[in-house]
Amino acid sequence: AKKKSIFDDRQLEIEELTNIIKMDLSSLNKQIAQLQELSKKQRESTSQGHHISSHSSSVVVALQSKLANMSNHFKSVLEVRSE
């Protein structure tokens, strides 16, 4: 007998989309790390005001937080699908 999921879907398509999402999340993570490094270098090399460097840091932290939340939500969706 074929194992039937509670989801009536096309498994190959889901796997392909899952891999695309994983690659996108990884790419976003790398880009945020590059942004963080750029922000750090700018703080060290210029005499920006405290407000500007604080804002840059806050933006990077917010992006990291949103990406982490998205990644966790994606993992939980995958766990539900595999049950």
Protein backbone atom coordinates (compact mmCIF):
# COMPACT_ATOMS: atom_id res chain seq x y z
CA ALA A 1 0.00 0.00 0.00
CA LYS A 2 1.15 3.49 -0.79
CA LYS A 3 1.88 5.77 2.15
CA LYS A 4 -0.67 8.57 1.96
CA SER A 5 -0.07 11.94 3.57
CA ILE A 6 -2.90 13.98 5.04
CA PHE A 7 -1.87 16.50 2.39
CA ASP A 8 -3.03 15.71 -1.13
CA ASP A 9 -0.05 17.11 -3.01
CA ARG A 10 2.68 16.38 -5.47
CA GLN A 11 5.69 15.20 -3.46
CA LEU A 12 8.35 15.99 -6.08
CA GLU A 13 7.10 19.53 -6.51
CA ILE A 14 7.05 20.05 -2.74
CA GLU A 15 10.61 18.73 -2.42
CA GLU A 16 11.82 21.02 -5.21
CA LEU A 17 10.16 24.05 -3.64
CA THR A 18 11.54 23.08 -0.23
CA ASN A 19 15.06 22.99 -1.64
CA ILE A 20 14.58 26.36 -3.32
CA ILE A 21 13.37 27.88 -0.04
CA LYS A 22 16.33 26.39 1.84
CA MET A 23 18.76 27.87 -0.69
CA ASP A 24 17.01 31.24 -0.49
CA LEU A 25 17.18 31.24 3.32
CA SER A 26 20.87 30.37 3.18
CA SER A 27 21.52 33.12 0.65
CA LEU A 28 19.65 35.67 2.76
CA ASN A 29 21.65 34.63 5.81
CA LYS A 30 24.93 35.17 3.92
CA GLN A 31 23.76 38.54 2.61
CA ILE A 32 22.81 39.71 6.10
CA ALA A 33 26.24 38.62 7.36
CA GLN A 34 27.85 40.67 4.56
CA LEU A 35 25.66 43.64 5.46
CA GLN A 36 26.70 43.30 9.09
CA GLU A 37 30.37 43.23 8.09
CA LEU A 38 29.93 46.28 5.85
CA SER A 39 28.19 48.15 8.65
CA LYS A 40 31.02 47.26 11.04
CA LYS A 41 33.69 48.45 8.58
CA GLN A 42 31.86 51.73 8.00
CA ARG A 43 31.65 52.35 11.74
CA GLU A 44 35.39 51.73 12.08
CA SER A 45 36.49 53.78 9.06
CA THR A 46 34.29 56.86 9.25
CA SER A 47 33.23 59.30 11.87
CA GLN A 48 29.52 58.68 11.43
CA GLY A 49 27.30 59.95 14.13
CA HIS A 50 26.26 57.54 16.84
CA HIS A 51 22.67 57.71 15.59
CA ILE A 52 23.59 56.47 12.09
CA SER A 53 25.73 53.57 13.30
CA SER A 54 23.10 52.63 15.85
CA HIS A 55 20.42 52.65 13.15
CA SER A 56 22.53 50.45 10.84
CA SER A 57 23.09 47.98 13.65
CA SER A 58 19.38 47.96 14.51
CA VAL A 59 18.43 47.26 10.89
CA VAL A 60 20.86 44.31 10.71
CA VAL A 61 19.56 42.88 14.00
CA ALA A 62 15.95 43.26 12.81
CA LEU A 63 16.74 41.46 9.54
CA GLN A 64 18.50 38.66 11.43
CA SER A 65 15.53 38.30 13.74
CA LYS A 66 12.99 38.20 10.91
CA LEU A 67 15.06 35.64 9.01
CA ALA A 68 15.39 33.47 12.14
CA ASN A 69 11.61 33.62 12.70
CA MET A 70 10.96 32.74 9.07
CA SER A 71 13.40 29.82 9.23
CA ASN A 72 11.80 28.48 12.40
CA HIS A 73 8.32 28.76 10.90
CA PHE A 74 9.49 26.96 7.76
CA LYS A 75 10.99 24.15 9.89
CA SER A 76 7.75 23.76 11.82
CA VAL A 77 5.77 23.55 8.57
CA LEU A 78 8.11 20.82 7.32
CA GLU A 79 7.71 18.93 10.60
CA VAL A 80 3.91 19.05 10.33
CA ARG A 81 4.11 17.79 6.74
CA SER A 82 6.31 14.85 7.73
CA GLU A 83 3.90 13.62 10.42
